[in-house]
Every structure is written in C-alpha cells, then in structure tokens.
Protein backbone atom coordinates (compact mmCIF):
# COMPACT_ATOMS: atom_id res chain seq x y z
CA MET A 1 132.32 112.89 136.29
CA MET A 2 132.37 115.94 133.52
CA ILE A 3 129.79 117.96 132.51
CA ASP A 4 131.22 119.92 129.20
CA THR A 5 134.52 121.42 131.43
CA ILE A 6 132.97 121.45 134.62
CA THR A 7 134.29 118.58 136.83
CA LEU A 8 131.82 117.01 139.51
CA ASP A 9 132.18 114.34 142.17
CA ASP A 10 131.08 110.96 141.22
CA ASP A 11 128.65 110.94 143.94
CA PHE A 12 125.71 111.47 141.61
CA GLU A 13 123.54 108.70 140.87
CA VAL A 14 122.02 108.33 137.42
CA THR A 15 117.91 107.78 138.09
CA SER A 16 116.85 107.78 134.50
CA ALA A 17 117.30 104.10 133.41
CA LEU A 18 113.73 103.35 132.56
CA TRP A 19 113.70 104.85 129.24
CA THR A 20 112.60 102.26 126.35
CA GLY A 21 113.53 104.41 123.38
CA PHE A 22 110.18 103.70 121.75
CA THR A 23 107.51 106.20 120.73
CA LEU A 24 103.76 105.56 119.59
CA ASN A 25 101.28 107.45 117.86
CA LYS A 26 98.10 106.37 117.48
CA GLU A 27 94.89 107.72 115.63
CA TYR A 28 91.77 106.50 114.04
CA ALA A 29 90.97 106.61 110.58
CA SER A 30 87.41 107.79 109.39
CA SER A 31 86.60 104.23 109.22
CA GLY A 32 87.06 103.79 112.95
CA ALA A 33 89.95 101.49 112.16
CA LEU A 34 93.03 102.19 114.51
CA LEU A 35 96.19 103.29 112.92
CA VAL A 36 99.34 102.54 115.05
CA GLU A 37 102.86 103.66 114.17
CA LEU A 38 105.79 102.52 116.33
CA ALA A 39 109.16 104.09 116.06
CA GLN A 40 112.47 103.73 117.71
CA MET A 41 113.81 106.93 118.98
CA GLN A 42 117.21 108.37 117.29
CA ALA A 43 117.76 110.64 120.25
CA GLY A 44 116.12 112.12 123.25
CA MET A 45 117.14 109.52 126.15
CA PRO A 46 116.56 111.56 129.45
CA ILE A 47 119.65 111.42 131.85
CA VAL A 48 118.86 112.47 135.32
CA LEU A 49 121.68 112.90 137.99
CA ASN A 50 120.79 113.25 141.30
CA SER A 51 123.39 113.84 144.29
CA GLY A 52 120.47 112.51 147.00
CA GLU A 53 122.23 113.29 150.45
CA HIS A 54 125.78 114.06 149.15
CA TRP A 55 126.89 117.81 149.60
CA VAL A 56 127.55 120.12 146.88
CA LYS A 57 129.03 123.64 147.13
CA LYS A 58 126.61 126.51 146.01
CA SER A 59 129.54 127.63 144.01
CA LYS A 60 129.30 124.53 141.84
CA VAL A 61 125.71 124.67 141.45
CA ASP A 62 125.97 128.30 140.27
CA GLU A 63 128.71 127.14 137.62
CA LEU A 64 126.27 124.58 136.52
CA LEU A 65 123.35 127.11 136.20
CA ALA A 66 125.80 129.54 134.33
CA HIS A 67 126.50 126.99 132.10
CA ALA A 68 122.85 126.02 131.46
CA LYS A 69 122.00 129.56 130.85
CA LEU A 70 124.50 129.52 127.82
CA GLY A 71 121.98 127.58 125.88
CA LYS A 72 124.47 125.24 124.33
CA ALA A 73 122.79 122.88 121.43
CA SER A 74 125.13 120.15 122.72
CA PHE A 75 128.08 119.29 124.95
CA THR A 76 129.52 116.03 126.35
CA LEU A 77 128.58 114.55 129.60
CA THR A 78 131.09 112.01 131.17
CA LEU A 79 129.17 109.58 133.86
CA PRO A 80 130.94 108.08 136.92
CA ASP A 81 131.06 104.66 134.84
CA SER A 82 133.31 106.61 132.02
CA SER A 83 130.53 106.48 129.72
CA THR A 84 130.17 109.47 127.38
CA HIS A 85 126.89 110.94 125.92
CA THR A 86 126.41 114.20 123.67
CA VAL A 87 123.54 115.86 125.30
CA MET A 88 121.79 119.19 126.08
CA TRP A 89 120.06 120.73 129.02
CA ASP A 90 116.49 119.36 129.21
CA TYR A 91 114.71 122.68 129.26
CA THR A 92 111.03 121.12 129.24
CA ASP A 93 111.22 121.19 132.91
CA THR A 94 113.67 122.68 135.36
CA PRO A 95 117.33 121.66 134.20
CA ILE A 96 118.94 122.20 137.81
CA SER A 97 117.53 122.04 141.01
CA ALA A 98 118.72 121.99 144.72
CA GLN A 99 117.91 122.36 148.24
CA PRO A 100 119.93 123.93 151.11
CA LEU A 101 121.35 121.71 153.49
CA LEU A 102 120.91 124.43 156.30
CA ARG A 103 118.49 127.17 156.75
CA GLU A 104 120.89 130.32 156.02
CA THR A 105 119.63 133.81 155.75
CA TYR A 106 122.31 134.45 153.35
CA GLN A 107 123.67 131.66 151.34
CA THR A 108 127.58 132.00 150.46
CA ASN A 109 129.60 130.20 147.88
CA GLY A 110 130.65 127.85 150.61
CA SER A 111 127.24 126.87 151.41
CA ASN A 112 126.13 123.18 150.91
CA LEU A 113 123.43 122.20 149.14
CA VAL A 114 121.54 118.63 148.90
CA ASN A 115 119.30 116.91 146.31
CA VAL A 116 120.88 118.48 143.61
CA GLN A 117 119.23 117.26 140.60
CA LEU A 118 120.56 117.75 136.72
CA LYS A 119 118.32 116.99 133.66
CA PHE A 120 119.75 116.00 130.19
CA LEU A 121 118.58 114.75 127.07
CA THR A 122 120.82 113.11 124.64
CA VAL A 123 121.17 114.53 121.24
C-alpha cells in the first residue's frame, strides 16, 4: 500500500465502505411545501484505513504526520487491493491517530503503535 511516496504494509483495513455518494438538501417553502434536492456527490468519499492490532513503527507514523502537515491538495493512495484513488487528508477531523503498544516514558522511532487510523477524502 502506498500513500503518495510512503510505503506501508498491507495490514491496514479499509473501514469506510458505507458511503452512499448522495447528498440531500431539504427546506420548506413559504407555502409550507417541502422542497427536496437530491444529488450525487462528485467527490468527497471518505476512506478510512485502520491498522487494528497490527504494529506500526513510530517513525512511520511520524513520516505520515509530516506528510499531512504539507497540506497537499491531492495525492495518490494505492490500497492493498491495488485500487488507486486521488485523495487529500481529511482535516475535518484528526487525519491521523495512533495509540502506543506499550507504556513508555520516552518513545523512540522504534516504538510500536497500534490502532493507527488514517482518514482521507477523495478529490
């Protein structure tokens, strides 16, 4: 799996398959009639990758954080099934989160993290 130029193990699970791709706006007219507008979204499908209990080195998470701090408008995401998507980091929430595997006073680049979650939006 690749995020732009960063290679990751294929242990990440795609956990965002419940997106319908439609948006709905509704409002009431001054007459009281319900006005409904349904449209298919052209972009914005969320893609969430979760490592679960698979270990990810802190150095790799730091590399992903540095990439997210670049604020790129778009880049390529290649998923484990070889599908590719043009995406950006989802800054509406925390785009990257992780938890330490062990309680360490001072984490090093070799420390292991679990439950690493990466959030993207297609563009």
